[in-house]
Amino acid sequence: MTSYSYSLDRQVWTGRFSSRKEAAEAAIARAVNEATPPETVYVGQRIEPDLRAYGHARGVIDTMRRRVREDNGDVADGFFRGVTEQQVADLDRAMEATIVDWLVRSKLEPTWVRIEAVGEYPLPMVSRAGSNGTAAREVYDLGVEDSGH
């Protein structure tokens, strides 16, 4: 499932959202409340690391077959000889589910993601309150103040 995160600085990525729009809205909501809001927020697609929890069935079958033969000699020569590709695929799915479940229960899943397809979202102009709670004064004219001298 595709998910997205946002960043205010393209360094630290936050959240897991189901759409770019949802991530952008969350980023803008957070950014406008920053002491110094950025001009732009970023939304990128999260690419979860491939845990390689699949494809282990054939290796397990081969290892088990070798060990059983070592323990029992020639009498065990036919052990696992008739395993079909469908049976290997079934074992692969079951092992993958077990490995992923174990990773989650053991809190060993990766803590990183790769961010790709980054989009930039300019922040809308916001009015700012001054430090005393009043609206900040806007400067209309730049020049020299006449102090009456």
Foldseek 3Di string as FASTA:
>chain_A
DKWKWKAQPVPDTDDTHPDQVVRLVVLLVVQVPDPDRHQKMKMFIWAFDDPPQFDCLVVVQVVVLVVVCVVPPPVSNCPPVPQDPVNSVVVRVVRSVVVVVVCVVVVNGDPDTDTDPMDMDGHDDDFDADPVRHTDDDDDDDDDDCPPD
